[in-house]
Amino acid sequence: MFETERTPVVVRATDPILHDGVCTALRSRADVRVVDDGTALVALLVADRLDEPMTRLLAALHHQGFTRIVLIAGEVDDNEILNAVEHGVCAVARRADAGPDVLVRLIKAAAAGEGALPPELLGRLLNRVSRLQRQVLQPRGLRLGGMSDRETEVLKLVAAGHSTQEIADELCYSQRTVKSILHDVTNRFQLRNRSHAVAYALREGLI
């Protein structure tokens, strides 16, 4: 009865010892199921950093059609995160923070179409875009466009880690309206998920 509630996840890592350790930790949990075939709903990638072998693994999973990928890395920087999201990664955590509970939470979030990025990294990205708008564009009377005000409001809250219900409460929208806005954005810009939409908006300076 409970088997159908377990989220199937495939684990990939550049280090076989790391791979086995993560699989062992996940197999002890009742809410996920480690598989190694096409039934996986989520892919979990674990590495020290986004080096060439990891990039190849990520590209291979993306080519196989995975759009719900969780990345656990020892070190990440702003550009690496944006590139990873463009290849299907929707949730990221540092290895130092990724105990079994965090892994399961991120896997469940990815399976539900949600996403998560480290708060301090999001803060740096948002500050970088804010400086561009404040110091370069606004003095020249310029404004980056492509999204409506309410779309950018929703994406900013997604970037800050808020759930659909929290965004709806904050903006006095229904959950259906929030989901519709996100659906419109991802379709219009041919994006894969919420995290990809946030990464795109950040890279293009739209939020």
Foldseek 3Di string as FASTA:
>chain_A
DLVVQAAEEEEDEPDVVVRVVLQVLQVVDSRHDYDDDPVHLEYEYEYQECDDVNVVVLQVVLVVPAQLYEYEHQDDAQVRVLVSNQSRYFEYDYPVPDDSVNVSVSSVCSSVQAGYDPQVRLVVLVVVLVCCCVPPAVVVVHDQDDDDPVLVLLLVVSSNVDDLVRSCVVVVHDSVVSVVSQVVQCVVVVHDGSSNSSSVCSVSSVD
